[in-house]
Amino acid sequence: MKIAIVNNGVVGAIGNYWELFPNTSFPASGPNDAFLQEQSAMTVLESLTYDASTEKLEACEPYVDGTFVAVVRVVPLTDEDLNTLEANKKAAVKNDIIQQTQARLDAFAMTRNYDSILSACTYAASPTLKFATEGQYCVEQRDATWATLLEILADVEAGTRPVPTGYAEIEPELPPLVWPN
């Protein structure tokens, strides 16, 4: 990662121009490094590489004995950082699984031209037998799906089951979504 100093103090990664210059309009293609350096808008300080799963950038004293050396340094993540990173990963996986489960239910309902599973479920009280039957089936499938997923998530929270790597890992455990004949 190349680190830049901009306007005598703002630090960021080269290539994140919209972040480095939030009040500047750029063409869709954006400016390139060379252009910005030619305009003296940015100076590339150093090319840093670090593993974001174990390290982070930390601000440091930029001058040593009156000589400018750096504005950031690579340091190991603290235990607190690692715990936060792990919690964020778990939360992201959980949210993705929940969203994909909902999308699966909605896609199933759409195979019979309902807008979503919620829309299909509202037909359970329809006076039209076909719609009432399909609506009730959707209620049952929705409830069974969420009950299964919530059980899986509770097991993960309790530590009796490892955190799934993603939706594909738990999808086979969800009730099959097949319309009755």
Protein backbone atom coordinates (compact mmCIF):
# COMPACT_ATOMS: atom_id res chain seq x y z
CA MET A 1 0.00 0.00 0.00
CA LYS A 2 1.37 3.42 -0.87
CA ILE A 3 0.81 6.04 1.80
CA ALA A 4 0.49 9.69 0.83
CA ILE A 5 0.73 12.99 2.62
CA VAL A 6 -1.62 15.54 1.17
CA ASN A 7 -1.68 19.27 1.82
CA ASN A 8 0.94 18.95 4.55
CA GLY A 9 -0.89 16.57 6.80
CA VAL A 10 -3.81 14.50 5.52
CA VAL A 11 -2.75 10.88 5.22
CA GLY A 12 -4.34 8.18 3.09
CA ALA A 13 -3.79 5.37 0.66
CA ILE A 14 -2.91 6.16 -2.93
CA GLY A 15 -5.85 5.37 -5.19
CA ASN A 16 -8.56 6.39 -2.70
CA TYR A 17 -8.80 9.83 -4.33
CA TRP A 18 -12.40 10.50 -3.41
CA GLU A 19 -11.48 9.81 0.23
CA LEU A 20 -8.25 11.82 0.09
CA PHE A 21 -9.92 14.78 -1.64
CA PRO A 22 -13.58 14.73 -0.46
CA ASN A 23 -14.37 18.24 -1.70
CA THR A 24 -12.98 17.75 -5.20
CA SER A 25 -14.84 16.66 -8.32
CA PHE A 26 -13.04 14.19 -10.57
CA PRO A 27 -13.96 12.64 -13.90
CA ALA A 28 -15.43 9.14 -13.58
CA SER A 29 -12.01 7.64 -14.35
CA GLY A 30 -10.43 9.71 -11.55
CA PRO A 31 -6.97 11.29 -11.58
CA ASN A 32 -3.87 9.12 -11.51
CA ASP A 33 -0.93 9.19 -9.07
CA ALA A 34 1.42 10.87 -11.53
CA PHE A 35 -0.99 13.73 -12.25
CA LEU A 36 -1.49 14.49 -8.57
CA GLN A 37 2.24 14.36 -7.88
CA GLU A 38 2.90 16.70 -10.84
CA GLN A 39 0.38 19.17 -9.39
CA SER A 40 2.20 18.95 -6.02
CA ALA A 41 -1.11 17.91 -4.50
CA MET A 42 0.35 14.71 -3.15
CA THR A 43 3.68 13.24 -2.22
CA VAL A 44 4.15 9.50 -2.03
CA LEU A 45 5.98 8.86 1.20
CA GLU A 46 6.54 5.16 1.30
CA SER A 47 5.22 1.90 0.01
CA LEU A 48 3.95 -0.05 3.00
CA THR A 49 2.60 -3.54 3.06
CA TYR A 50 0.87 -5.06 6.02
CA ASP A 51 -1.52 -7.86 6.83
CA ALA A 52 -4.78 -6.27 7.98
CA SER A 53 -5.71 -9.48 9.79
CA THR A 54 -2.75 -9.14 12.18
CA GLU A 55 -1.45 -5.58 11.79
CA LYS A 56 -2.68 -2.01 11.58
CA LEU A 57 -1.37 1.43 10.68
CA GLU A 58 -0.76 3.69 13.65
CA ALA A 59 0.01 7.40 13.61
CA CYS A 60 3.48 8.20 14.87
CA GLU A 61 5.72 11.19 15.47
CA PRO A 62 6.62 12.23 11.92
CA TYR A 63 9.97 13.78 12.78
CA VAL A 64 13.05 12.14 14.27
CA ASP A 65 15.89 14.52 15.11
CA GLY A 66 14.31 17.16 12.90
CA THR A 67 14.06 14.86 9.88
CA PHE A 68 10.71 13.85 8.46
CA VAL A 69 10.51 10.04 8.45
CA ALA A 70 6.88 8.88 8.43
CA VAL A 71 3.37 9.66 9.58
CA VAL A 72 2.31 6.06 10.14
CA ARG A 73 3.95 2.82 11.15
CA VAL A 74 2.85 -0.80 11.00
CA VAL A 75 2.12 -2.32 14.41
CA PRO A 76 0.61 -5.64 15.50
CA LEU A 77 -3.09 -5.67 16.30
CA THR A 78 -3.86 -5.72 20.01
CA ASP A 79 -5.97 -8.46 21.58
CA GLU A 80 -8.82 -5.95 21.70
CA ASP A 81 -8.35 -5.20 17.98
CA LEU A 82 -8.32 -8.93 17.18
CA ASN A 83 -11.49 -9.51 19.24
CA THR A 84 -13.23 -6.62 17.48
CA LEU A 85 -12.11 -7.91 14.09
CA GLU A 86 -13.42 -11.40 14.90
CA ALA A 87 -16.73 -10.01 16.20
CA ASN A 88 -17.12 -7.92 13.03
CA LYS A 89 -16.44 -10.97 10.84
CA LYS A 90 -19.04 -13.02 12.75
CA ALA A 91 -21.58 -10.21 12.47
CA ALA A 92 -20.94 -9.85 8.73
CA VAL A 93 -21.39 -13.60 8.16
CA LYS A 94 -24.57 -13.62 10.26
CA ASN A 95 -26.03 -10.64 8.38
CA ASP A 96 -25.17 -12.19 5.03
CA ILE A 97 -26.81 -15.48 6.03
CA ILE A 98 -29.96 -13.68 7.21
CA GLN A 99 -30.18 -11.63 3.99
CA GLN A 100 -29.64 -14.65 1.76
CA THR A 101 -32.22 -16.67 3.71
CA GLN A 102 -34.76 -13.90 3.17
CA ALA A 103 -33.83 -13.69 -0.51
CA ARG A 104 -34.29 -17.47 -0.82
CA LEU A 105 -37.81 -17.23 0.65
CA ASP A 106 -38.68 -14.27 -1.57
CA ALA A 107 -37.36 -16.04 -4.68
CA PHE A 108 -39.46 -19.09 -3.83
CA ALA A 109 -42.64 -17.01 -3.55
CA MET A 110 -41.83 -15.27 -6.83
CA THR A 111 -41.93 -18.60 -8.65
CA ARG A 112 -45.73 -18.33 -8.25
CA ASN A 113 -45.77 -14.62 -9.13
CA TYR A 114 -45.99 -13.25 -5.59
CA ASP A 115 -43.93 -10.13 -4.89
CA SER A 116 -42.21 -11.71 -1.88
CA ILE A 117 -42.74 -14.29 0.83
CA LEU A 118 -44.53 -11.64 2.88
CA SER A 119 -46.91 -10.95 0.02
CA ALA A 120 -47.58 -14.66 -0.46
CA CYS A 121 -48.25 -15.16 3.26
CA THR A 122 -50.96 -12.50 3.23
CA TYR A 123 -52.98 -14.74 0.91
CA ALA A 124 -53.41 -17.37 3.65
CA ALA A 125 -56.71 -15.68 4.55
CA SER A 126 -57.89 -15.35 0.94
CA PRO A 127 -61.38 -16.59 0.11
CA THR A 128 -59.94 -18.04 -3.12
CA LEU A 129 -58.88 -21.62 -2.34
CA LYS A 130 -55.81 -21.60 -4.62
CA PHE A 131 -54.42 -18.44 -3.05
CA ALA A 132 -55.32 -19.49 0.48
CA THR A 133 -53.59 -22.85 0.03
CA GLU A 134 -50.44 -21.29 -1.43
CA GLY A 135 -50.46 -18.53 1.19
CA GLN A 136 -50.73 -21.01 4.04
CA TYR A 137 -47.97 -23.13 2.57
CA CYS A 138 -45.75 -20.04 2.40
CA VAL A 139 -46.51 -19.26 6.05
CA GLU A 140 -45.47 -22.79 7.01
CA GLN A 141 -42.29 -22.69 4.92
CA ARG A 142 -41.35 -19.23 6.17
CA ASP A 143 -41.85 -20.27 9.80
CA ALA A 144 -39.95 -23.54 9.38
CA THR A 145 -37.08 -21.78 7.62
CA TRP A 146 -36.68 -19.07 10.24
CA ALA A 147 -37.06 -21.54 13.12
CA THR A 148 -34.25 -23.64 11.65
CA LEU A 149 -32.02 -20.65 10.98
CA LEU A 150 -32.57 -19.20 14.45
CA GLU A 151 -31.65 -22.55 15.97
CA ILE A 152 -28.44 -22.63 13.93
CA LEU A 153 -27.58 -19.07 14.98
CA ALA A 154 -28.34 -19.85 18.64
CA ASP A 155 -25.98 -22.84 18.49
CA VAL A 156 -23.26 -20.59 17.05
CA GLU A 157 -23.82 -18.01 19.80
CA ALA A 158 -23.73 -20.75 22.46
CA GLY A 159 -20.45 -22.02 21.06
CA THR A 160 -21.82 -25.50 20.38
CA ARG A 161 -21.38 -24.98 16.65
CA PRO A 162 -18.60 -23.23 14.75
CA VAL A 163 -19.34 -19.99 12.93
CA PRO A 164 -20.43 -20.92 9.40
CA THR A 165 -18.18 -19.75 6.61
CA GLY A 166 -21.23 -18.45 4.79
CA TYR A 167 -24.76 -19.09 3.62
CA ALA A 168 -23.81 -22.01 1.36
CA GLU A 169 -22.72 -23.95 4.43
CA ILE A 170 -26.11 -23.74 6.17
CA GLU A 171 -28.47 -23.69 3.18
CA PRO A 172 -28.70 -27.52 2.97
CA GLU A 173 -29.99 -27.55 6.57
CA LEU A 174 -32.90 -25.25 5.75
CA PRO A 175 -36.23 -26.84 4.85
CA PRO A 176 -36.57 -27.53 1.14
CA LEU A 177 -38.73 -25.04 -0.72
CA VAL A 178 -40.84 -27.04 -3.15
CA TRP A 179 -44.44 -26.29 -4.00
CA PRO A 180 -46.82 -29.15 -3.30
CA ASN A 181 -48.55 -30.67 -6.31
